[in-house]
């Protein structure tokens, strides 16, 4: 608004002076000698330029102050705390999650029954903390590793149990224990009190796995 008023004032001065071409700036070369009217016109033009420059200076100072505030904010910004807040966790909870993930990776790397490792991986997968960049790829890799583990203790004991984790289906469990997806109904028949519909199983369900000779 201030700039528009100054522009309007400038045009009035030019129109009233009538001594130079109709323009909003001084000509490149002024006459060697100026009469009173011309001198007043030039003076007014320079005064308007000064006012416009001062207004521009004020605007630049505001931008500088804004950039300084932004710089101070970014320098003091705690990215780690912000990430923890997004997943709704404290630093202590994240540290506990890190410890459990280390434990699960160690368990998955050992030979033997993997039920405990699977249960721990299921717990880790169901936590929002897994979304943190530090853990996301590790948890995904661990779940893949756990899913690829072959159960050999079933044949030895005659019957085993398996705790369902997120993403499990009966055909997948059949493949893990029997090496084929076709024996899903064997598991279902042994667990009809636990499974109402073979198309729907839920994390936390403990299923009996009957022995099947391959």
C-alpha atoms as a PDB file:
ATOM      1  CA  UNK A   1       0.000   0.000   0.000  1.00  0.00           C
ATOM      2  CA  UNK A   2       2.831   2.391   0.867  1.00  0.00           C
ATOM      3  CA  UNK A   3       4.561   1.677  -2.461  1.00  0.00           C
ATOM      4  CA  UNK A   4       1.341   2.360  -4.385  1.00  0.00           C
ATOM      5  CA  UNK A   5       0.945   5.764  -2.695  1.00  0.00           C
ATOM      6  CA  UNK A   6       4.536   6.670  -3.463  1.00  0.00           C
ATOM      7  CA  UNK A   7       4.061   5.616  -7.098  1.00  0.00           C
ATOM      8  CA  UNK A   8       0.962   7.786  -7.314  1.00  0.00           C
ATOM      9  CA  UNK A   9       2.855  10.728  -5.822  1.00  0.00           C
ATOM     10  CA  UNK A  10       5.629  10.192  -8.335  1.00  0.00           C
ATOM     11  CA  UNK A  11       3.201  10.312 -11.268  1.00  0.00           C
ATOM     12  CA  UNK A  12       1.664  13.504  -9.908  1.00  0.00           C
ATOM     13  CA  UNK A  13       5.072  15.157  -9.730  1.00  0.00           C
ATOM     14  CA  UNK A  14       5.893  14.133 -13.284  1.00  0.00           C
ATOM     15  CA  UNK A  15       2.545  15.311 -14.590  1.00  0.00           C
ATOM     16  CA  UNK A  16       2.822  18.667 -12.813  1.00  0.00           C
ATOM     17  CA  UNK A  17       6.436  19.268 -13.833  1.00  0.00           C
ATOM     18  CA  UNK A  18       5.915  18.590 -17.539  1.00  0.00           C
ATOM     19  CA  UNK A  19       9.554  19.328 -18.243  1.00  0.00           C
ATOM     20  CA  UNK A  20      10.840  15.825 -18.965  1.00  0.00           C
ATOM     21  CA  UNK A  21       9.363  12.916 -20.899  1.00  0.00           C
ATOM     22  CA  UNK A  22       6.381  11.249 -19.188  1.00  0.00           C
ATOM     23  CA  UNK A  23       8.239   8.567 -17.245  1.00  0.00           C
ATOM     24  CA  UNK A  24       8.585   7.374 -13.643  1.00  0.00           C
ATOM     25  CA  UNK A  25      12.335   7.890 -13.536  1.00  0.00           C
ATOM     26  CA  UNK A  26      14.838  10.621 -14.292  1.00  0.00           C
ATOM     27  CA  UNK A  27      16.402  10.728 -17.764  1.00  0.00           C
ATOM     28  CA  UNK A  28      19.894   9.288 -18.106  1.00  0.00           C
ATOM     29  CA  UNK A  29      21.335  12.771 -18.639  1.00  0.00           C
ATOM     30  CA  UNK A  30      20.079  15.939 -16.988  1.00  0.00           C
ATOM     31  CA  UNK A  31      20.532  19.422 -18.442  1.00  0.00           C
ATOM     32  CA  UNK A  32      23.719  21.192 -17.366  1.00  0.00           C
ATOM     33  CA  UNK A  33      21.656  23.933 -15.754  1.00  0.00           C
ATOM     34  CA  UNK A  34      18.292  23.514 -14.007  1.00  0.00           C
ATOM     35  CA  UNK A  35      15.740  26.183 -13.296  1.00  0.00           C
ATOM     36  CA  UNK A  36      13.855  26.259 -10.007  1.00  0.00           C
ATOM     37  CA  UNK A  37      11.000  24.141 -11.270  1.00  0.00           C
ATOM     38  CA  UNK A  38      13.348  21.521 -12.741  1.00  0.00           C
ATOM     39  CA  UNK A  39      15.461  21.399  -9.611  1.00  0.00           C
ATOM     40  CA  UNK A  40      12.403  20.814  -7.428  1.00  0.00           C
ATOM     41  CA  UNK A  41      11.301  18.004  -9.737  1.00  0.00           C
ATOM     42  CA  UNK A  42      14.708  16.286  -9.549  1.00  0.00           C
ATOM     43  CA  UNK A  43      14.777  16.738  -5.787  1.00  0.00           C
ATOM     44  CA  UNK A  44      11.363  15.140  -5.457  1.00  0.00           C
ATOM     45  CA  UNK A  45      12.380  12.228  -7.670  1.00  0.00           C
ATOM     46  CA  UNK A  46      15.441  11.524  -5.540  1.00  0.00           C
ATOM     47  CA  UNK A  47      13.350  11.809  -2.389  1.00  0.00           C
ATOM     48  CA  UNK A  48      10.918   9.207  -3.710  1.00  0.00           C
ATOM     49  CA  UNK A  49      13.803   6.913  -4.658  1.00  0.00           C
ATOM     50  CA  UNK A  50      15.172   7.261  -1.138  1.00  0.00           C
ATOM     51  CA  UNK A  51      11.798   6.402   0.397  1.00  0.00           C
ATOM     52  CA  UNK A  52      11.435   3.343  -1.837  1.00  0.00           C
ATOM     53  CA  UNK A  53      14.933   2.182  -0.976  1.00  0.00           C
ATOM     54  CA  UNK A  54      14.242   2.582   2.732  1.00  0.00           C
ATOM     55  CA  UNK A  55      11.058   0.546   2.361  1.00  0.00           C
ATOM     56  CA  UNK A  56      13.017  -2.149   0.523  1.00  0.00           C
ATOM     57  CA  UNK A  57      15.649  -2.073   3.256  1.00  0.00           C
ATOM     58  CA  UNK A  58      12.960  -2.625   5.893  1.00  0.00           C
ATOM     59  CA  UNK A  59      11.625  -5.581   3.910  1.00  0.00           C
ATOM     60  CA  UNK A  60      15.106  -7.092   3.612  1.00  0.00           C
ATOM     61  CA  UNK A  61      15.709  -6.652   7.333  1.00  0.00           C
ATOM     62  CA  UNK A  62      12.491  -8.541   8.040  1.00  0.00           C
ATOM     63  CA  UNK A  63      13.642 -11.371   5.765  1.00  0.00           C
ATOM     64  CA  UNK A  64      17.013 -11.455   7.529  1.00  0.00           C
ATOM     65  CA  UNK A  65      15.319 -11.687  10.931  1.00  0.00           C
ATOM     66  CA  UNK A  66      13.105 -14.498   9.641  1.00  0.00           C
ATOM     67  CA  UNK A  67      16.095 -16.423   8.268  1.00  0.00           C
ATOM     68  CA  UNK A  68      17.987 -15.987  11.535  1.00  0.00           C
ATOM     69  CA  UNK A  69      15.011 -17.369  13.473  1.00  0.00           C
ATOM     70  CA  UNK A  70      14.771 -20.319  11.071  1.00  0.00           C
ATOM     71  CA  UNK A  71      18.516 -20.982  11.394  1.00  0.00           C
ATOM     72  CA  UNK A  72      18.286 -20.939  15.198  1.00  0.00           C
ATOM     73  CA  UNK A  73      15.292 -23.306  15.113  1.00  0.00           C
ATOM     74  CA  UNK A  74      16.969 -25.819  12.784  1.00  0.00           C
ATOM     75  CA  UNK A  75      20.207 -25.760  14.762  1.00  0.00           C
ATOM     76  CA  UNK A  76      18.355 -26.541  18.000  1.00  0.00           C
ATOM     77  CA  UNK A  77      15.888 -29.013  16.456  1.00  0.00           C
ATOM     78  CA  UNK A  78      16.067 -32.471  18.039  1.00  0.00           C
ATOM     79  CA  UNK A  79      15.346 -34.840  15.143  1.00  0.00           C
ATOM     80  CA  UNK A  80      15.634 -37.912  17.338  1.00  0.00           C
ATOM     81  CA  UNK A  81      13.091 -36.657  19.854  1.00  0.00           C
ATOM     82  CA  UNK A  82      10.732 -35.692  17.028  1.00  0.00           C
ATOM     83  CA  UNK A  83      10.920 -39.190  15.519  1.00  0.00           C
ATOM     84  CA  UNK A  84      10.286 -40.787  18.909  1.00  0.00           C
ATOM     85  CA  UNK A  85       7.246 -38.551  19.380  1.00  0.00           C
ATOM     86  CA  UNK A  86       5.838 -39.636  16.007  1.00  0.00           C
ATOM     87  CA  UNK A  87       5.825 -43.317  17.029  1.00  0.00           C
ATOM     88  CA  UNK A  88       4.718 -42.457  20.575  1.00  0.00           C
ATOM     89  CA  UNK A  89       7.811 -43.810  22.329  1.00  0.00           C
ATOM     90  CA  UNK A  90      10.278 -42.566  24.903  1.00  0.00           C
ATOM     91  CA  UNK A  91      14.046 -42.926  24.668  1.00  0.00           C
ATOM     92  CA  UNK A  92      13.861 -45.671  27.292  1.00  0.00           C
ATOM     93  CA  UNK A  93      11.280 -47.611  25.252  1.00  0.00           C
ATOM     94  CA  UNK A  94      13.383 -47.293  22.117  1.00  0.00           C
ATOM     95  CA  UNK A  95      16.440 -48.540  24.023  1.00  0.00           C
ATOM     96  CA  UNK A  96      14.424 -51.545  25.266  1.00  0.00           C
ATOM     97  CA  UNK A  97      13.221 -52.235  21.715  1.00  0.00           C
ATOM     98  CA  UNK A  98      16.832 -52.117  20.484  1.00  0.00           C
ATOM     99  CA  UNK A  99      17.843 -54.632  23.145  1.00  0.00           C
ATOM    100  CA  UNK A 100      15.019 -57.014  22.217  1.00  0.00           C
ATOM    101  CA  UNK A 101      15.868 -56.740  18.523  1.00  0.00           C
ATOM    102  CA  UNK A 102      19.498 -57.627  19.248  1.00  0.00           C
ATOM    103  CA  UNK A 103      18.254 -60.603  21.280  1.00  0.00           C
ATOM    104  CA  UNK A 104      15.900 -61.764  18.515  1.00  0.00           C
ATOM    105  CA  UNK A 105      18.647 -61.552  15.902  1.00  0.00           C
ATOM    106  CA  UNK A 106      20.917 -63.618  18.151  1.00  0.00           C
ATOM    107  CA  UNK A 107      18.191 -66.229  18.724  1.00  0.00           C
ATOM    108  CA  UNK A 108      17.421 -66.480  15.018  1.00  0.00           C
ATOM    109  CA  UNK A 109      21.082 -67.127  14.298  1.00  0.00           C
ATOM    110  CA  UNK A 110      21.224 -70.175  16.601  1.00  0.00           C
ATOM    111  CA  UNK A 111      20.134 -73.689  15.720  1.00  0.00           C
ATOM    112  CA  UNK A 112      17.193 -75.256  17.533  1.00  0.00           C
ATOM    113  CA  UNK A 113      13.519 -74.459  18.200  1.00  0.00           C
ATOM    114  CA  UNK A 114      12.584 -70.996  17.043  1.00  0.00           C
ATOM    115  CA  UNK A 115       9.244 -70.468  18.809  1.00  0.00           C
ATOM    116  CA  UNK A 116      10.727 -67.976  21.262  1.00  0.00           C
ATOM    117  CA  UNK A 117      12.411 -66.097  18.420  1.00  0.00           C
ATOM    118  CA  UNK A 118       9.184 -66.055  16.410  1.00  0.00           C
ATOM    119  CA  UNK A 119       7.209 -64.731  19.368  1.00  0.00           C
ATOM    120  CA  UNK A 120       9.751 -62.007  19.975  1.00  0.00           C
ATOM    121  CA  UNK A 121       9.819 -61.050  16.288  1.00  0.00           C
ATOM    122  CA  UNK A 122       6.006 -60.898  16.334  1.00  0.00           C
ATOM    123  CA  UNK A 123       6.153 -58.535  19.305  1.00  0.00           C
ATOM    124  CA  UNK A 124       8.723 -56.352  17.566  1.00  0.00           C
ATOM    125  CA  UNK A 125       6.720 -56.309  14.327  1.00  0.00           C
ATOM    126  CA  UNK A 126       3.559 -55.182  16.101  1.00  0.00           C
ATOM    127  CA  UNK A 127       5.278 -52.175  17.674  1.00  0.00           C
ATOM    128  CA  UNK A 128       5.212 -48.765  15.984  1.00  0.00           C
ATOM    129  CA  UNK A 129       8.848 -48.359  16.982  1.00  0.00           C
ATOM    130  CA  UNK A 130       9.749 -50.652  14.072  1.00  0.00           C
ATOM    131  CA  UNK A 131       8.946 -47.700  11.754  1.00  0.00           C
ATOM    132  CA  UNK A 132      12.021 -45.817  12.950  1.00  0.00           C
ATOM    133  CA  UNK A 133      14.752 -45.807  10.263  1.00  0.00           C
ATOM    134  CA  UNK A 134      17.149 -47.529  12.666  1.00  0.00           C
ATOM    135  CA  UNK A 135      14.934 -50.615  12.946  1.00  0.00           C
ATOM    136  CA  UNK A 136      12.743 -50.918   9.859  1.00  0.00           C
ATOM    137  CA  UNK A 137      15.110 -52.831   7.588  1.00  0.00           C
ATOM    138  CA  UNK A 138      16.452 -54.966  10.435  1.00  0.00           C
ATOM    139  CA  UNK A 139      12.987 -56.116  11.493  1.00  0.00           C
ATOM    140  CA  UNK A 140      11.991 -56.871   7.882  1.00  0.00           C
ATOM    141  CA  UNK A 141      15.154 -58.918   7.356  1.00  0.00           C
ATOM    142  CA  UNK A 142      14.632 -60.756  10.636  1.00  0.00           C
ATOM    143  CA  UNK A 143      11.030 -61.660   9.772  1.00  0.00           C
ATOM    144  CA  UNK A 144      12.167 -63.006   6.411  1.00  0.00           C
ATOM    145  CA  UNK A 145      14.874 -65.058   8.087  1.00  0.00           C
ATOM    146  CA  UNK A 146      12.452 -66.468  10.657  1.00  0.00           C
ATOM    147  CA  UNK A 147       9.916 -67.341   7.935  1.00  0.00           C
ATOM    148  CA  UNK A 148      12.566 -69.328   6.056  1.00  0.00           C
ATOM    149  CA  UNK A 149      13.581 -71.461   9.043  1.00  0.00           C
ATOM    150  CA  UNK A 150      12.663 -75.142   8.567  1.00  0.00           C
ATOM    151  CA  UNK A 151      11.201 -76.963  11.555  1.00  0.00           C
ATOM    152  CA  UNK A 152      12.776 -80.390  11.969  1.00  0.00           C
ATOM    153  CA  UNK A 153      11.773 -81.096  15.562  1.00  0.00           C
ATOM    154  CA  UNK A 154       8.199 -81.959  14.510  1.00  0.00           C
ATOM    155  CA  UNK A 155       9.142 -85.337  13.111  1.00  0.00           C
ATOM    156  CA  UNK A 156      11.149 -86.147  16.229  1.00  0.00           C
ATOM    157  CA  UNK A 157       8.495 -85.326  18.840  1.00  0.00           C
ATOM    158  CA  UNK A 158       5.410 -86.499  16.983  1.00  0.00           C
ATOM    159  CA  UNK A 159       3.620 -83.218  17.654  1.00  0.00           C
ATOM    160  CA  UNK A 160       4.727 -79.628  18.063  1.00  0.00           C
ATOM    161  CA  UNK A 161       3.072 -76.310  18.647  1.00  0.00           C
ATOM    162  CA  UNK A 162       3.360 -73.117  16.676  1.00  0.00           C
ATOM    163  CA  UNK A 163       2.386 -69.591  17.693  1.00  0.00           C
ATOM    164  CA  UNK A 164       0.790 -67.644  14.870  1.00  0.00           C
ATOM    165  CA  UNK A 165       2.461 -64.349  13.944  1.00  0.00           C
ATOM    166  CA  UNK A 166       1.254 -61.471  11.817  1.00  0.00           C
ATOM    167  CA  UNK A 167       0.953 -62.455   8.143  1.00  0.00           C
ATOM    168  CA  UNK A 168       0.642 -66.217   8.745  1.00  0.00           C
ATOM    169  CA  UNK A 169      -1.782 -68.401   6.777  1.00  0.00           C
ATOM    170  CA  UNK A 170      -2.347 -72.143   7.111  1.00  0.00           C
ATOM    171  CA  UNK A 171      -0.795 -72.888   3.730  1.00  0.00           C
ATOM    172  CA  UNK A 172       2.337 -71.010   4.772  1.00  0.00           C
ATOM    173  CA  UNK A 173       2.552 -72.873   8.082  1.00  0.00           C
ATOM    174  CA  UNK A 174       2.069 -76.147   6.198  1.00  0.00           C
ATOM    175  CA  UNK A 175       4.965 -75.228   3.947  1.00  0.00           C
ATOM    176  CA  UNK A 176       7.193 -74.453   6.927  1.00  0.00           C
ATOM    177  CA  UNK A 177       6.511 -77.752   8.695  1.00  0.00           C
ATOM    178  CA  UNK A 178       5.803 -80.190   5.885  1.00  0.00           C
ATOM    179  CA  UNK A 179       7.512 -78.680   2.876  1.00  0.00           C
ATOM    180  CA  UNK A 180       4.225 -78.335   0.990  1.00  0.00           C
ATOM    181  CA  UNK A 181       1.191 -76.045   1.099  1.00  0.00           C
ATOM    182  CA  UNK A 182      -1.204 -78.949   0.494  1.00  0.00           C
ATOM    183  CA  UNK A 183      -1.339 -80.146   4.112  1.00  0.00           C
ATOM    184  CA  UNK A 184      -2.946 -77.018   5.556  1.00  0.00           C
ATOM    185  CA  UNK A 185      -6.073 -79.072   6.254  1.00  0.00           C
ATOM    186  CA  UNK A 186      -4.062 -81.410   8.510  1.00  0.00           C
ATOM    187  CA  UNK A 187      -3.266 -78.444  10.738  1.00  0.00           C
ATOM    188  CA  UNK A 188      -6.838 -77.186  10.572  1.00  0.00           C
ATOM    189  CA  UNK A 189      -8.323 -80.561  11.507  1.00  0.00           C
ATOM    190  CA  UNK A 190      -6.004 -80.738  14.519  1.00  0.00           C
ATOM    191  CA  UNK A 191      -7.009 -77.266  15.671  1.00  0.00           C
ATOM    192  CA  UNK A 192     -10.707 -76.865  14.906  1.00  0.00           C
ATOM    193  CA  UNK A 193     -11.347 -75.821  18.489  1.00  0.00           C
ATOM    194  CA  UNK A 194      -8.865 -72.990  17.940  1.00  0.00           C
ATOM    195  CA  UNK A 195      -9.668 -72.162  14.313  1.00  0.00           C
ATOM    196  CA  UNK A 196     -13.276 -71.399  13.353  1.00  0.00           C
ATOM    197  CA  UNK A 197     -12.482 -70.550   9.757  1.00  0.00           C
ATOM    198  CA  UNK A 198      -9.335 -71.878   8.018  1.00  0.00           C
ATOM    199  CA  UNK A 199      -9.070 -68.625   6.072  1.00  0.00           C
ATOM    200  CA  UNK A 200      -8.658 -66.597   9.257  1.00  0.00           C
ATOM    201  CA  UNK A 201      -5.967 -67.165  11.856  1.00  0.00           C
ATOM    202  CA  UNK A 202      -4.694 -64.537  14.247  1.00  0.00           C
ATOM    203  CA  UNK A 203      -1.386 -63.609  15.886  1.00  0.00           C
ATOM    204  CA  UNK A 204      -1.045 -65.251  19.267  1.00  0.00           C
ATOM    205  CA  UNK A 205      -2.990 -68.425  18.460  1.00  0.00           C
ATOM    206  CA  UNK A 206      -1.082 -71.570  19.496  1.00  0.00           C
ATOM    207  CA  UNK A 207      -1.622 -74.367  16.985  1.00  0.00           C
ATOM    208  CA  UNK A 208      -0.874 -78.082  17.253  1.00  0.00           C
ATOM    209  CA  UNK A 209       1.272 -79.420  14.420  1.00  0.00           C
ATOM    210  CA  UNK A 210       0.709 -83.186  13.958  1.00  0.00           C
ATOM    211  CA  UNK A 211       3.562 -85.325  12.701  1.00  0.00           C
ATOM    212  CA  UNK A 212       3.363 -86.108   9.008  1.00  0.00           C
ATOM    213  CA  UNK A 213       5.765 -88.394   7.214  1.00  0.00           C
ATOM    214  CA  UNK A 214       6.955 -86.891   3.978  1.00  0.00           C
END
